Amino acid sequence: MKAIEFSDTENMELLMEIVNLKAKLRGMYTQTGPNSSKYITLSIKLNLLMNKYFEEKAGNIISPEEIYELQCN
């Protein structure tokens, strides 16, 4: 298994957006609870951003060919 250089592979802009959104959601949860439409919208956005981050990380670790093989099996 190869070593990963975190400083070269991390998408810091995406990570900061995720961290800021999580903090905003935490504050909204305590103020309005999880039933507000804005909270739900931001939760969906956070989920999409985290999926994007994980896909990027997987792409750095596993080649597209290996991902395709995993999906086929």
Protein backbone atom coordinates (compact mmCIF):
# COMPACT_ATOMS: atom_id res chain seq x y z
CA MET A 1 0.00 0.00 0.00
CA LYS A 2 1.39 3.39 -0.89
CA ALA A 3 1.75 6.28 1.55
CA ILE A 4 -0.44 9.34 1.01
CA GLU A 5 0.86 12.90 1.23
CA PHE A 6 -2.00 14.67 2.98
CA SER A 7 -0.79 18.19 2.26
CA ASP A 8 -0.88 17.51 -1.49
CA THR A 9 -4.13 15.59 -1.66
CA GLU A 10 -6.41 17.46 0.74
CA ASN A 11 -8.97 19.78 -0.78
CA MET A 12 -8.73 22.42 1.95
CA GLU A 13 -11.42 24.63 0.41
CA LEU A 14 -13.90 21.77 0.48
CA LEU A 15 -12.89 20.76 4.01
CA MET A 16 -13.34 24.32 5.28
CA GLU A 17 -16.76 24.53 3.63
CA ILE A 18 -17.76 21.29 5.35
CA VAL A 19 -16.49 22.49 8.74
CA ASN A 20 -18.24 25.85 8.43
CA LEU A 21 -21.49 24.25 7.31
CA LYS A 22 -21.40 21.78 10.21
CA ALA A 23 -20.92 24.66 12.66
CA LYS A 24 -23.79 26.58 11.09
CA LEU A 25 -26.04 23.52 11.28
CA ARG A 26 -25.15 22.96 14.93
CA GLY A 27 -26.17 26.54 15.72
CA MET A 28 -29.38 26.27 13.72
CA TYR A 29 -30.28 23.00 15.44
CA THR A 30 -30.12 24.60 18.87
CA GLN A 31 -32.13 27.64 17.71
CA THR A 32 -34.82 26.17 15.47
CA GLY A 33 -34.46 22.41 15.64
CA PRO A 34 -34.20 20.05 12.68
CA ASN A 35 -37.65 20.81 11.24
CA SER A 36 -36.93 24.13 9.53
CA SER A 37 -36.65 24.14 5.76
CA LYS A 38 -33.33 26.00 5.90
CA TYR A 39 -31.87 23.38 8.24
CA ILE A 40 -33.00 20.56 5.96
CA THR A 41 -31.57 22.32 2.88
CA LEU A 42 -28.21 22.86 4.58
CA SER A 43 -28.18 19.24 5.80
CA ILE A 44 -28.64 18.04 2.24
CA LYS A 45 -25.87 20.37 1.06
CA LEU A 46 -23.56 19.05 3.79
CA ASN A 47 -24.32 15.48 2.76
CA LEU A 48 -23.48 16.27 -0.87
CA LEU A 49 -20.23 18.02 0.09
CA MET A 50 -19.16 15.11 2.28
CA ASN A 51 -19.92 12.64 -0.52
CA LYS A 52 -17.84 14.79 -2.89
CA TYR A 53 -14.97 14.81 -0.38
CA PHE A 54 -15.08 11.01 0.07
CA GLU A 55 -15.20 10.46 -3.69
CA GLU A 56 -12.12 12.67 -4.11
CA LYS A 57 -10.30 10.78 -1.36
CA ALA A 58 -11.21 7.43 -2.89
CA GLY A 59 -10.02 8.71 -6.27
CA ASN A 60 -6.65 9.57 -4.73
CA ILE A 61 -6.29 6.14 -3.18
CA ILE A 62 -7.89 3.85 -5.77
CA SER A 63 -7.54 4.16 -9.53
CA PRO A 64 -10.72 4.58 -11.63
CA GLU A 65 -10.17 1.10 -13.08
CA GLU A 66 -10.12 -0.43 -9.59
CA ILE A 67 -13.30 1.46 -8.64
CA TYR A 68 -15.01 0.11 -11.75
CA GLU A 69 -13.93 -3.43 -10.88
CA LEU A 70 -15.27 -3.04 -7.34
CA GLN A 71 -18.62 -1.80 -8.66
CA CYS A 72 -18.92 -4.71 -11.09
CA ASN A 73 -18.24 -7.39 -8.47
